[in-house]
Amino acid sequence: MPADDTPIPLKIVIAGGFGVGKTTMVQALSEIPPLLTEEAMTTASIGVDDVDNIPGKSSTTVAMDFGRITVDDSLILYLFGTPGQDRFWFMWDELSRGAVGAVVLVDLRRVDDCFPAIDYFENRRIPFVLGINGFPASDRFDDEVVRDALALAPGCPIARLDARDPQDCLRTLVTLVEHALATSAVAH
């Protein structure tokens, strides 16, 4: 720990496609009231945002979500949730700058939505964990089938979670930090 007892900040990005649970995960984890940039979906999104497979979706993140977790006196995690629609992806570079890693959430009913996020973090060599959010029927496929279907690198961890459950989300973050540390150790 630094001599001035300032906690070490770690930045973590929560990413993925539209409606996969990013905002829900930030809300479940944050010890402070999270900053959310959720806006009501309007008729302007008709034909732009595909909500057919997301019943009840009435709002969307338009900038970012932000939350914080104090691990102990020496470590604070800052959580940045990305917007999911491709028209907002220009913000991902800023949100990801300096991040120790990312959780890429996926809804296995809409698996194609996670490819851009996986590509983003792979291309920037930012360690990530694939988080399979527990939507209905998400347990139909075992981890190796998912890994093969998404062409994930052998060392990329897969975590199964319910984005509403703080303990599931915390376990996913621990997996991410361990993966980021192991990746960093191999790179040096």
N, C-alpha and C. Protein backbone atom coordinates (compact mmCIF):
# COMPACT_ATOMS: atom_id res chain seq x y z
N MET A 1 0.85 -1.18 0.00
CA MET A 1 0.00 0.00 0.00
C MET A 1 0.89 1.24 0.00
N PRO A 2 0.49 2.30 -0.71
CA PRO A 2 1.28 3.52 -0.72
C PRO A 2 1.48 4.06 0.69
N ALA A 3 2.58 4.80 0.88
CA ALA A 3 2.92 5.33 2.20
C ALA A 3 1.84 6.24 2.76
N ASP A 4 1.10 6.90 1.89
CA ASP A 4 0.07 7.81 2.38
C ASP A 4 -1.26 7.12 2.69
N ASP A 5 -1.26 5.80 2.68
CA ASP A 5 -2.44 4.99 2.99
C ASP A 5 -3.61 5.21 2.03
N THR A 6 -3.31 5.71 0.85
CA THR A 6 -4.33 5.88 -0.17
C THR A 6 -4.65 4.52 -0.77
N PRO A 7 -5.94 4.15 -0.81
CA PRO A 7 -6.27 2.84 -1.40
C PRO A 7 -5.91 2.78 -2.88
N ILE A 8 -5.58 1.60 -3.34
CA ILE A 8 -5.28 1.38 -4.75
C ILE A 8 -6.60 1.23 -5.49
N PRO A 9 -6.81 2.05 -6.54
CA PRO A 9 -8.04 1.93 -7.32
C PRO A 9 -7.86 0.96 -8.48
N LEU A 10 -8.83 0.10 -8.70
CA LEU A 10 -8.84 -0.77 -9.87
C LEU A 10 -10.11 -0.49 -10.66
N LYS A 11 -9.94 -0.28 -11.94
CA LYS A 11 -11.07 0.00 -12.82
C LYS A 11 -11.48 -1.29 -13.52
N ILE A 12 -12.77 -1.60 -13.47
CA ILE A 12 -13.32 -2.79 -14.10
C ILE A 12 -14.48 -2.36 -14.99
N VAL A 13 -14.50 -2.91 -16.20
CA VAL A 13 -15.55 -2.60 -17.16
C VAL A 13 -16.54 -3.76 -17.20
N ILE A 14 -17.82 -3.43 -17.20
CA ILE A 14 -18.89 -4.41 -17.37
C ILE A 14 -19.47 -4.13 -18.76
N ALA A 15 -19.30 -5.07 -19.68
CA ALA A 15 -19.66 -4.84 -21.07
C ALA A 15 -20.54 -5.97 -21.60
N GLY A 16 -21.01 -5.79 -22.82
CA GLY A 16 -21.81 -6.81 -23.47
C GLY A 16 -22.85 -6.15 -24.36
N GLY A 17 -23.66 -6.97 -24.95
CA GLY A 17 -24.69 -6.48 -25.86
C GLY A 17 -25.84 -5.81 -25.14
N PHE A 18 -26.80 -5.40 -25.92
CA PHE A 18 -27.99 -4.71 -25.46
C PHE A 18 -28.84 -5.63 -24.59
N GLY A 19 -29.15 -5.18 -23.38
CA GLY A 19 -30.09 -5.91 -22.52
C GLY A 19 -29.56 -7.18 -21.90
N VAL A 20 -28.24 -7.29 -21.67
CA VAL A 20 -27.70 -8.53 -21.10
C VAL A 20 -27.53 -8.48 -19.58
N GLY A 21 -27.75 -7.31 -18.96
CA GLY A 21 -27.68 -7.23 -17.51
C GLY A 21 -26.54 -6.38 -16.95
N LYS A 22 -25.94 -5.53 -17.76
CA LYS A 22 -24.81 -4.72 -17.29
C LYS A 22 -25.22 -3.77 -16.17
N THR A 23 -26.29 -3.03 -16.39
CA THR A 23 -26.77 -2.09 -15.37
C THR A 23 -27.18 -2.85 -14.11
N THR A 24 -27.83 -3.97 -14.29
CA THR A 24 -28.27 -4.79 -13.15
C THR A 24 -27.07 -5.24 -12.33
N MET A 25 -25.99 -5.65 -13.00
CA MET A 25 -24.78 -6.11 -12.30
C MET A 25 -24.15 -4.96 -11.51
N VAL A 26 -24.04 -3.79 -12.12
CA VAL A 26 -23.47 -2.64 -11.40
C VAL A 26 -24.32 -2.32 -10.19
N GLN A 27 -25.64 -2.33 -10.34
CA GLN A 27 -26.54 -2.06 -9.22
C GLN A 27 -26.38 -3.09 -8.11
N ALA A 28 -26.22 -4.36 -8.48
CA ALA A 28 -26.11 -5.42 -7.49
C ALA A 28 -24.81 -5.31 -6.69
N LEU A 29 -23.76 -4.80 -7.29
CA LEU A 29 -22.45 -4.77 -6.66
C LEU A 29 -22.13 -3.49 -5.90
N SER A 30 -22.63 -2.37 -6.36
CA SER A 30 -22.16 -1.08 -5.85
C SER A 30 -22.57 -0.84 -4.41
N GLU A 31 -21.59 -0.39 -3.62
CA GLU A 31 -21.86 -0.04 -2.22
C GLU A 31 -22.43 1.37 -2.10
N ILE A 32 -22.34 2.14 -3.16
CA ILE A 32 -22.90 3.49 -3.20
C ILE A 32 -24.09 3.46 -4.16
N PRO A 33 -24.99 4.43 -4.04
CA PRO A 33 -26.04 4.48 -5.07
C PRO A 33 -25.35 4.66 -6.43
N PRO A 34 -25.52 3.73 -7.35
CA PRO A 34 -24.79 3.83 -8.61
C PRO A 34 -25.27 4.99 -9.46
N LEU A 35 -24.33 5.54 -10.22
CA LEU A 35 -24.68 6.53 -11.22
C LEU A 35 -25.15 5.77 -12.44
N LEU A 36 -26.37 6.00 -12.84
CA LEU A 36 -26.95 5.31 -13.99
C LEU A 36 -27.38 6.35 -15.01
N THR A 37 -27.11 6.06 -16.27
CA THR A 37 -27.56 6.96 -17.34
C THR A 37 -28.64 6.25 -18.15
N GLU A 38 -29.58 5.68 -17.44
CA GLU A 38 -30.71 4.99 -18.07
C GLU A 38 -31.72 6.02 -18.55
N GLU A 39 -32.15 5.85 -19.76
CA GLU A 39 -33.19 6.71 -20.32
C GLU A 39 -34.30 5.84 -20.87
N ALA A 40 -35.50 6.37 -20.83
CA ALA A 40 -36.65 5.64 -21.37
C ALA A 40 -36.47 5.45 -22.87
N MET A 41 -36.81 4.27 -23.34
CA MET A 41 -36.78 4.02 -24.77
C MET A 41 -38.02 4.67 -25.38
N THR A 42 -37.80 5.33 -26.48
CA THR A 42 -38.89 6.07 -27.13
C THR A 42 -39.19 5.47 -28.49
N THR A 43 -40.14 6.05 -29.17
CA THR A 43 -40.48 5.58 -30.51
C THR A 43 -39.30 5.76 -31.47
N ALA A 44 -38.36 6.65 -31.14
CA ALA A 44 -37.19 6.85 -31.99
C ALA A 44 -36.32 5.60 -32.05
N SER A 45 -36.44 4.72 -31.07
CA SER A 45 -35.62 3.49 -31.07
C SER A 45 -36.27 2.35 -31.85
N ILE A 46 -37.49 2.55 -32.31
CA ILE A 46 -38.16 1.50 -33.08
C ILE A 46 -37.39 1.29 -34.39
N GLY A 47 -37.06 0.04 -34.65
CA GLY A 47 -36.28 -0.29 -35.83
C GLY A 47 -34.79 -0.14 -35.63
N VAL A 48 -34.37 0.46 -34.49
CA VAL A 48 -32.95 0.64 -34.17
C VAL A 48 -32.55 -0.37 -33.10
N ASP A 49 -33.31 -0.44 -32.02
CA ASP A 49 -33.06 -1.36 -30.92
C ASP A 49 -34.02 -2.53 -31.03
N ASP A 50 -33.47 -3.74 -31.12
CA ASP A 50 -34.29 -4.94 -31.23
C ASP A 50 -34.67 -5.42 -29.84
N VAL A 51 -35.90 -5.16 -29.44
CA VAL A 51 -36.37 -5.56 -28.12
C VAL A 51 -37.28 -6.79 -28.17
N ASP A 52 -37.37 -7.42 -29.34
CA ASP A 52 -38.25 -8.59 -29.48
C ASP A 52 -37.93 -9.69 -28.48
N ASN A 53 -36.64 -9.92 -28.20
CA ASN A 53 -36.24 -10.99 -27.29
C ASN A 53 -35.97 -10.50 -25.87
N ILE A 54 -36.36 -9.25 -25.60
CA ILE A 54 -36.15 -8.67 -24.28
C ILE A 54 -37.48 -8.10 -23.78
N PRO A 55 -38.42 -8.97 -23.42
CA PRO A 55 -39.73 -8.48 -23.01
C PRO A 55 -39.63 -7.57 -21.78
N GLY A 56 -40.37 -6.48 -21.82
CA GLY A 56 -40.41 -5.57 -20.69
C GLY A 56 -39.29 -4.54 -20.66
N LYS A 57 -38.37 -4.59 -21.61
CA LYS A 57 -37.26 -3.62 -21.65
C LYS A 57 -37.83 -2.27 -22.04
N SER A 58 -37.71 -1.29 -21.14
CA SER A 58 -38.29 0.03 -21.42
C SER A 58 -37.28 1.16 -21.29
N SER A 59 -36.05 0.83 -20.84
CA SER A 59 -35.02 1.86 -20.72
C SER A 59 -33.68 1.28 -21.17
N THR A 60 -32.73 2.16 -21.42
CA THR A 60 -31.42 1.73 -21.89
C THR A 60 -30.35 2.69 -21.41
N THR A 61 -29.14 2.19 -21.24
CA THR A 61 -28.00 3.01 -20.84
C THR A 61 -27.55 3.82 -22.06
N VAL A 62 -27.39 5.12 -21.88
CA VAL A 62 -27.00 5.96 -23.00
C VAL A 62 -25.58 6.52 -22.86
N ALA A 63 -24.94 6.33 -21.73
CA ALA A 63 -23.56 6.79 -21.56
C ALA A 63 -22.77 5.72 -20.81
N MET A 64 -23.07 5.55 -19.53
CA MET A 64 -22.37 4.55 -18.73
C MET A 64 -23.10 4.37 -17.41
N ASP A 65 -22.75 3.32 -16.72
CA ASP A 65 -23.15 3.12 -15.33
C ASP A 65 -21.88 3.16 -14.51
N PHE A 66 -21.96 3.63 -13.28
CA PHE A 66 -20.77 3.70 -12.43
C PHE A 66 -21.13 3.24 -11.03
N GLY A 67 -20.28 2.40 -10.47
CA GLY A 67 -20.44 1.94 -9.10
C GLY A 67 -19.09 1.76 -8.44
N ARG A 68 -19.12 1.51 -7.14
CA ARG A 68 -17.86 1.37 -6.38
C ARG A 68 -18.00 0.26 -5.35
N ILE A 69 -16.89 -0.46 -5.17
CA ILE A 69 -16.81 -1.48 -4.12
C ILE A 69 -15.51 -1.25 -3.35
N THR A 70 -15.60 -1.05 -2.06
CA THR A 70 -14.41 -0.96 -1.23
C THR A 70 -14.11 -2.37 -0.73
N VAL A 71 -13.00 -2.93 -1.21
CA VAL A 71 -12.63 -4.28 -0.81
C VAL A 71 -12.09 -4.27 0.61
N ASP A 72 -11.17 -3.37 0.88
CA ASP A 72 -10.62 -3.16 2.22
C ASP A 72 -9.93 -1.80 2.22
N ASP A 73 -9.15 -1.49 3.27
CA ASP A 73 -8.50 -0.18 3.37
C ASP A 73 -7.50 0.07 2.24
N SER A 74 -7.09 -1.00 1.57
CA SER A 74 -6.04 -0.84 0.56
C SER A 74 -6.53 -0.94 -0.89
N LEU A 75 -7.81 -1.32 -1.10
CA LEU A 75 -8.25 -1.59 -2.46
C LEU A 75 -9.70 -1.16 -2.69
N ILE A 76 -9.91 -0.39 -3.76
CA ILE A 76 -11.25 0.03 -4.18
C ILE A 76 -11.43 -0.36 -5.64
N LEU A 77 -12.57 -0.96 -5.95
CA LEU A 77 -12.91 -1.29 -7.33
C LEU A 77 -13.91 -0.28 -7.85
N TYR A 78 -13.62 0.27 -9.02
CA TYR A 78 -14.53 1.18 -9.69
C TYR A 78 -15.13 0.42 -10.88
N LEU A 79 -16.43 0.38 -10.94
CA LEU A 79 -17.14 -0.37 -11.97
C LEU A 79 -17.72 0.59 -13.01
N PHE A 80 -17.44 0.31 -14.27
CA PHE A 80 -17.96 1.12 -15.36
C PHE A 80 -18.75 0.22 -16.30
N GLY A 81 -20.06 0.42 -16.34
CA GLY A 81 -20.91 -0.35 -17.25
C GLY A 81 -21.04 0.38 -18.57
N THR A 82 -20.81 -0.33 -19.65
CA THR A 82 -20.88 0.28 -20.97
C THR A 82 -22.31 0.25 -21.51
N PRO A 83 -22.62 1.14 -22.45
CA PRO A 83 -23.88 0.99 -23.16
C PRO A 83 -23.76 -0.18 -24.13
N GLY A 84 -24.87 -0.83 -24.43
CA GLY A 84 -24.81 -2.03 -25.25
C GLY A 84 -25.02 -1.83 -26.75
N GLN A 85 -25.72 -0.79 -27.14
CA GLN A 85 -26.00 -0.61 -28.56
C GLN A 85 -24.78 -0.07 -29.29
N ASP A 86 -24.61 -0.51 -30.53
CA ASP A 86 -23.43 -0.12 -31.29
C ASP A 86 -23.35 1.39 -31.55
N ARG A 87 -24.46 2.09 -31.52
CA ARG A 87 -24.39 3.54 -31.75
C ARG A 87 -23.73 4.27 -30.58
N PHE A 88 -23.56 3.61 -29.45
CA PHE A 88 -22.89 4.22 -28.29
C PHE A 88 -21.48 3.67 -28.07
N TRP A 89 -20.99 2.81 -28.96
CA TRP A 89 -19.68 2.19 -28.75
C TRP A 89 -18.52 3.16 -28.81
N PHE A 90 -18.72 4.36 -29.34
CA PHE A 90 -17.62 5.32 -29.37
C PHE A 90 -17.14 5.65 -27.96
N MET A 91 -17.96 5.40 -26.94
CA MET A 91 -17.57 5.69 -25.56
C MET A 91 -16.72 4.58 -24.93
N TRP A 92 -16.67 3.41 -25.56
CA TRP A 92 -15.98 2.28 -24.95
C TRP A 92 -14.49 2.56 -24.75
N ASP A 93 -13.84 3.25 -25.66
CA ASP A 93 -12.41 3.52 -25.50
C ASP A 93 -12.15 4.30 -24.21
N GLU A 94 -12.93 5.32 -23.96
CA GLU A 94 -12.75 6.10 -22.73
C GLU A 94 -13.07 5.27 -21.49
N LEU A 95 -14.15 4.52 -21.55
CA LEU A 95 -14.54 3.73 -20.39
C LEU A 95 -13.52 2.63 -20.09
N SER A 96 -12.84 2.13 -21.12
CA SER A 96 -11.91 1.01 -20.95
C SER A 96 -10.47 1.45 -20.66
N ARG A 97 -10.15 2.72 -20.92
CA ARG A 97 -8.79 3.20 -20.70
C ARG A 97 -8.39 3.00 -19.24
N GLY A 98 -7.30 2.28 -19.01
CA GLY A 98 -6.79 2.05 -17.66
C GLY A 98 -7.47 0.92 -16.91
N ALA A 99 -8.36 0.20 -17.56
CA ALA A 99 -9.08 -0.89 -16.87
C ALA A 99 -8.16 -2.08 -16.66
N VAL A 100 -8.29 -2.71 -15.50
CA VAL A 100 -7.55 -3.93 -15.22
C VAL A 100 -8.15 -5.11 -15.99
N GLY A 101 -9.43 -4.99 -16.33
CA GLY A 101 -10.10 -6.06 -17.06
C GLY A 101 -11.57 -5.77 -17.21
N ALA A 102 -12.26 -6.74 -17.79
CA ALA A 102 -13.69 -6.56 -18.07
C ALA A 102 -14.45 -7.86 -17.83
N VAL A 103 -15.72 -7.71 -17.55
CA VAL A 103 -16.67 -8.81 -17.56
C VAL A 103 -17.52 -8.60 -18.81
N VAL A 104 -17.51 -9.57 -19.71
CA VAL A 104 -18.36 -9.51 -20.89
C VAL A 104 -19.58 -10.38 -20.60
N LEU A 105 -20.72 -9.73 -20.38
CA LEU A 105 -21.94 -10.47 -20.10
C LEU A 105 -22.57 -10.97 -21.39
N VAL A 106 -23.16 -12.15 -21.31
CA VAL A 106 -23.81 -12.74 -22.47
C VAL A 106 -25.14 -13.36 -22.05
N ASP A 107 -26.10 -13.21 -22.93
CA ASP A 107 -27.39 -13.88 -22.82
C ASP A 107 -27.34 -14.96 -23.90
N LEU A 108 -27.29 -16.23 -23.53
CA LEU A 108 -27.12 -17.31 -24.50
C LEU A 108 -28.30 -17.44 -25.46
N ARG A 109 -29.40 -16.75 -25.18
CA ARG A 109 -30.51 -16.75 -26.14
C ARG A 109 -30.21 -15.81 -27.31
N ARG A 110 -29.26 -14.90 -27.10
CA ARG A 110 -28.88 -13.91 -28.11
C ARG A 110 -27.36 -13.83 -28.18
N VAL A 111 -26.73 -14.95 -28.42
CA VAL A 111 -25.27 -15.06 -28.33
C VAL A 111 -24.54 -14.14 -29.31
N ASP A 112 -25.14 -13.86 -30.46
CA ASP A 112 -24.47 -12.99 -31.45
C ASP A 112 -24.17 -11.60 -30.89
N ASP A 113 -24.94 -11.17 -29.91
CA ASP A 113 -24.75 -9.83 -29.34
C ASP A 113 -23.44 -9.66 -28.58
N CYS A 114 -22.79 -10.76 -28.19
CA CYS A 114 -21.57 -10.63 -27.39
C CYS A 114 -20.30 -10.58 -28.23
N PHE A 115 -20.37 -10.96 -29.50
CA PHE A 115 -19.16 -10.99 -30.32
C PHE A 115 -18.43 -9.65 -30.41
N PRO A 116 -19.13 -8.53 -30.61
CA PRO A 116 -18.40 -7.25 -30.67
C PRO A 116 -17.63 -6.94 -29.38
N ALA A 117 -18.20 -7.27 -28.23
CA ALA A 117 -17.52 -7.01 -26.96
C ALA A 117 -16.30 -7.91 -26.81
N ILE A 118 -16.44 -9.19 -27.15
CA ILE A 118 -15.30 -10.10 -27.08
C ILE A 118 -14.19 -9.61 -28.00
N ASP A 119 -14.54 -9.27 -29.23
CA ASP A 119 -13.54 -8.75 -30.18
C ASP A 119 -12.87 -7.50 -29.65
N TYR A 120 -13.65 -6.61 -29.06
CA TYR A 120 -13.11 -5.36 -28.53
C TYR A 120 -12.00 -5.63 -27.52
N PHE A 121 -12.27 -6.47 -26.53
CA PHE A 121 -11.28 -6.70 -25.46
C PHE A 121 -10.12 -7.57 -25.94
N GLU A 122 -10.39 -8.53 -26.81
CA GLU A 122 -9.29 -9.32 -27.37
C GLU A 122 -8.35 -8.45 -28.18
N ASN A 123 -8.89 -7.60 -29.03
CA ASN A 123 -8.06 -6.74 -29.88
C ASN A 123 -7.21 -5.75 -29.08
N ARG A 124 -7.67 -5.37 -27.90
CA ARG A 124 -6.93 -4.43 -27.06
C ARG A 124 -6.13 -5.14 -25.98
N ARG A 125 -6.17 -6.45 -26.00
CA ARG A 125 -5.45 -7.28 -25.02
C ARG A 125 -5.80 -6.91 -23.58
N ILE A 126 -7.08 -6.64 -23.37
CA ILE A 126 -7.59 -6.38 -22.02
C ILE A 126 -8.18 -7.68 -21.52
N PRO A 127 -7.67 -8.21 -20.39
CA PRO A 127 -8.21 -9.47 -19.87
C PRO A 127 -9.70 -9.35 -19.59
N PHE A 128 -10.42 -10.43 -19.88
CA PHE A 128 -11.86 -10.42 -19.59
C PHE A 128 -12.32 -11.81 -19.19
N VAL A 129 -13.44 -11.82 -18.52
CA VAL A 129 -14.15 -13.03 -18.13
C VAL A 129 -15.47 -13.00 -18.89
N LEU A 130 -15.86 -14.13 -19.45
CA LEU A 130 -17.17 -14.22 -20.06
C LEU A 130 -18.16 -14.57 -18.96
N GLY A 131 -19.13 -13.69 -18.74
CA GLY A 131 -20.14 -13.91 -17.71
C GLY A 131 -21.45 -14.33 -18.34
N ILE A 132 -21.82 -15.58 -18.15
CA ILE A 132 -23.08 -16.08 -18.69
C ILE A 132 -24.18 -15.74 -17.69
N ASN A 133 -24.99 -14.74 -18.05
CA ASN A 133 -26.07 -14.32 -17.17
C ASN A 133 -27.18 -15.36 -17.22
N GLY A 134 -27.75 -15.68 -16.09
CA GLY A 134 -28.70 -16.78 -15.95
C GLY A 134 -30.09 -16.52 -16.46
N PHE A 135 -30.21 -16.14 -17.72
CA PHE A 135 -31.52 -16.02 -18.33
C PHE A 135 -32.10 -17.41 -18.56
N PRO A 136 -33.40 -17.53 -18.82
CA PRO A 136 -33.99 -18.84 -19.07
C PRO A 136 -33.23 -19.61 -20.17
N ALA A 137 -33.01 -20.87 -19.92
CA ALA A 137 -32.36 -21.80 -20.85
C ALA A 137 -30.85 -21.58 -20.97
N SER A 138 -30.26 -20.73 -20.12
CA SER A 138 -28.82 -20.50 -20.22
C SER A 138 -28.00 -21.70 -19.76
N ASP A 139 -28.65 -22.62 -19.05
CA ASP A 139 -27.92 -23.80 -18.59
C ASP A 139 -27.98 -24.96 -19.59
N ARG A 140 -28.55 -24.71 -20.77
CA ARG A 140 -28.64 -25.77 -21.79
C ARG A 140 -27.30 -26.14 -22.38
N PHE A 141 -26.34 -25.24 -22.31
CA PHE A 141 -25.04 -25.45 -22.94
C PHE A 141 -23.95 -25.43 -21.88
N ASP A 142 -23.07 -26.44 -21.92
CA ASP A 142 -21.99 -26.44 -20.94
C ASP A 142 -20.89 -25.47 -21.39
N ASP A 143 -19.97 -25.20 -20.49
CA ASP A 143 -18.96 -24.19 -20.72
C ASP A 143 -18.11 -24.46 -21.97
N GLU A 144 -17.76 -25.69 -22.21
CA GLU A 144 -16.91 -25.99 -23.36
C GLU A 144 -17.65 -25.78 -24.68
N VAL A 145 -18.93 -26.06 -24.71
CA VAL A 145 -19.73 -25.78 -25.91
C VAL A 145 -19.77 -24.27 -26.16
N VAL A 146 -19.97 -23.50 -25.08
CA VAL A 146 -19.98 -22.04 -25.20
C VAL A 146 -18.61 -21.55 -25.66
N ARG A 147 -17.53 -22.04 -25.05
CA ARG A 147 -16.17 -21.65 -25.42
C ARG A 147 -15.92 -21.90 -26.90
N ASP A 148 -16.30 -23.08 -27.38
CA ASP A 148 -16.11 -23.40 -28.80
C ASP A 148 -16.95 -22.51 -29.70
N ALA A 149 -18.20 -22.29 -29.33
CA ALA A 149 -19.10 -21.49 -30.16
C ALA A 149 -18.61 -20.04 -30.28
N LEU A 150 -18.00 -19.54 -29.21
CA LEU A 150 -17.53 -18.15 -29.21
C LEU A 150 -16.06 -18.03 -29.59
N ALA A 151 -15.41 -19.17 -29.84
CA ALA A 151 -13.98 -19.20 -30.18
C ALA A 151 -13.15 -18.46 -29.13
N LEU A 152 -13.48 -18.70 -27.85
CA LEU A 152 -12.73 -18.08 -26.77
C LEU A 152 -11.36 -18.72 -26.62
N ALA A 153 -10.40 -17.92 -26.25
CA ALA A 153 -9.05 -18.44 -25.97
C ALA A 153 -9.15 -19.45 -24.82
N PRO A 154 -8.29 -20.46 -24.84
CA PRO A 154 -8.35 -21.49 -23.80
C PRO A 154 -8.26 -20.95 -22.36
N GLY A 155 -7.53 -19.88 -22.14
CA GLY A 155 -7.37 -19.35 -20.79
C GLY A 155 -8.44 -18.38 -20.34
N CYS A 156 -9.37 -18.06 -21.21
CA CYS A 156 -10.42 -17.09 -20.84
C CYS A 156 -11.44 -17.76 -19.91
N PRO A 157 -11.56 -17.25 -18.68
CA PRO A 157 -12.51 -17.85 -17.74
C PRO A 157 -13.96 -17.61 -18.16
N ILE A 158 -14.79 -18.57 -17.81
CA ILE A 158 -16.24 -18.45 -17.99
C ILE A 158 -16.87 -18.53 -16.61
N ALA A 159 -17.73 -17.56 -16.32
CA ALA A 159 -18.42 -17.54 -15.03
C ALA A 159 -19.92 -17.55 -15.30
N ARG A 160 -20.63 -18.33 -14.54
CA ARG A 160 -22.10 -18.33 -14.62
C ARG A 160 -22.61 -17.54 -13.43
N LEU A 161 -23.55 -16.63 -13.71
CA LEU A 161 -24.02 -15.75 -12.65
C LEU A 161 -25.44 -15.32 -12.91
N ASP A 162 -26.03 -14.81 -11.87
CA ASP A 162 -27.30 -14.10 -11.96
C ASP A 162 -26.93 -12.65 -11.65
N ALA A 163 -27.05 -11.76 -12.62
CA ALA A 163 -26.61 -10.38 -12.46
C ALA A 163 -27.36 -9.65 -11.35
N ARG A 164 -28.43 -10.22 -10.84
CA ARG A 164 -29.18 -9.62 -9.73
C ARG A 164 -28.60 -10.02 -8.38
N ASP A 165 -27.74 -11.05 -8.37
CA ASP A 165 -27.22 -11.61 -7.13
C ASP A 165 -25.83 -11.06 -6.81
N PRO A 166 -25.72 -10.24 -5.76
CA PRO A 166 -24.43 -9.64 -5.43
C PRO A 166 -23.30 -10.67 -5.22
N GLN A 167 -23.62 -11.82 -4.62
CA GLN A 167 -22.58 -12.83 -4.38
C GLN A 167 -22.09 -13.45 -5.69
N ASP A 168 -23.01 -13.75 -6.60
CA ASP A 168 -22.61 -14.26 -7.91
C ASP A 168 -21.72 -13.25 -8.63
N CYS A 169 -22.14 -11.99 -8.59
CA CYS A 169 -21.38 -10.93 -9.27
C CYS A 169 -20.00 -10.76 -8.65
N LEU A 170 -19.93 -10.82 -7.33
CA LEU A 170 -18.65 -10.69 -6.63
C LEU A 170 -17.71 -11.84 -6.99
N ARG A 171 -18.24 -13.06 -7.05
CA ARG A 171 -17.42 -14.21 -7.46
C ARG A 171 -16.88 -14.00 -8.88
N THR A 172 -17.68 -13.42 -9.74
CA THR A 172 -17.24 -13.15 -11.11
C THR A 172 -16.12 -12.12 -11.12
N LEU A 173 -16.23 -11.08 -10.29
CA LEU A 173 -15.16 -10.08 -10.21
C LEU A 173 -13.87 -10.68 -9.66
N VAL A 174 -13.98 -11.56 -8.67
CA VAL A 174 -12.79 -12.22 -8.13
C VAL A 174 -12.12 -13.04 -9.23
N THR A 175 -12.92 -13.76 -10.01
CA THR A 175 -12.38 -14.53 -11.13
C THR A 175 -11.67 -13.61 -12.11
N LEU A 176 -12.27 -12.47 -12.40
CA LEU A 176 -11.65 -11.51 -13.32
C LEU A 176 -10.32 -10.99 -12.78
N VAL A 177 -10.28 -10.56 -11.53
CA VAL A 177 -9.05 -10.02 -10.96
C VAL A 177 -7.96 -11.08 -10.93
N GLU A 178 -8.31 -12.31 -10.56
CA GLU A 178 -7.32 -13.40 -10.58
C GLU A 178 -6.80 -13.63 -11.99
N HIS A 179 -7.70 -13.60 -12.98
CA HIS A 179 -7.31 -13.79 -14.38
C HIS A 179 -6.41 -12.64 -14.85
N ALA A 180 -6.77 -11.42 -14.49
CA ALA A 180 -5.96 -10.25 -14.89
C ALA A 180 -4.57 -10.33 -14.27
N LEU A 181 -4.48 -10.73 -13.00
CA LEU A 181 -3.18 -10.87 -12.35
C LEU A 181 -2.35 -11.96 -13.00
N ALA A 182 -2.97 -13.09 -13.31
CA ALA A 182 -2.24 -14.19 -13.97
C ALA A 182 -1.79 -13.76 -15.37
N THR A 183 -2.64 -13.06 -16.09
CA THR A 183 -2.29 -12.58 -17.43
C THR A 183 -1.14 -11.59 -17.36
N SER A 184 -1.17 -10.72 -16.36
CA SER A 184 -0.11 -9.72 -16.17
C SER A 184 1.21 -10.39 -15.82
N ALA A 185 1.15 -11.43 -14.97
CA ALA A 185 2.36 -12.14 -14.56
C ALA A 185 3.01 -12.84 -15.76
N VAL A 186 2.20 -13.41 -16.64
CA VAL A 186 2.72 -14.09 -17.82
C VAL A 186 3.35 -13.08 -18.79
N ALA A 187 2.74 -11.89 -18.90
CA ALA A 187 3.24 -10.86 -19.83
C ALA A 187 4.57 -10.27 -19.38
N HIS A 188 4.85 -10.35 -18.10
CA HIS A 188 6.10 -9.75 -17.60
C HIS A 188 7.10 -10.81 -17.41
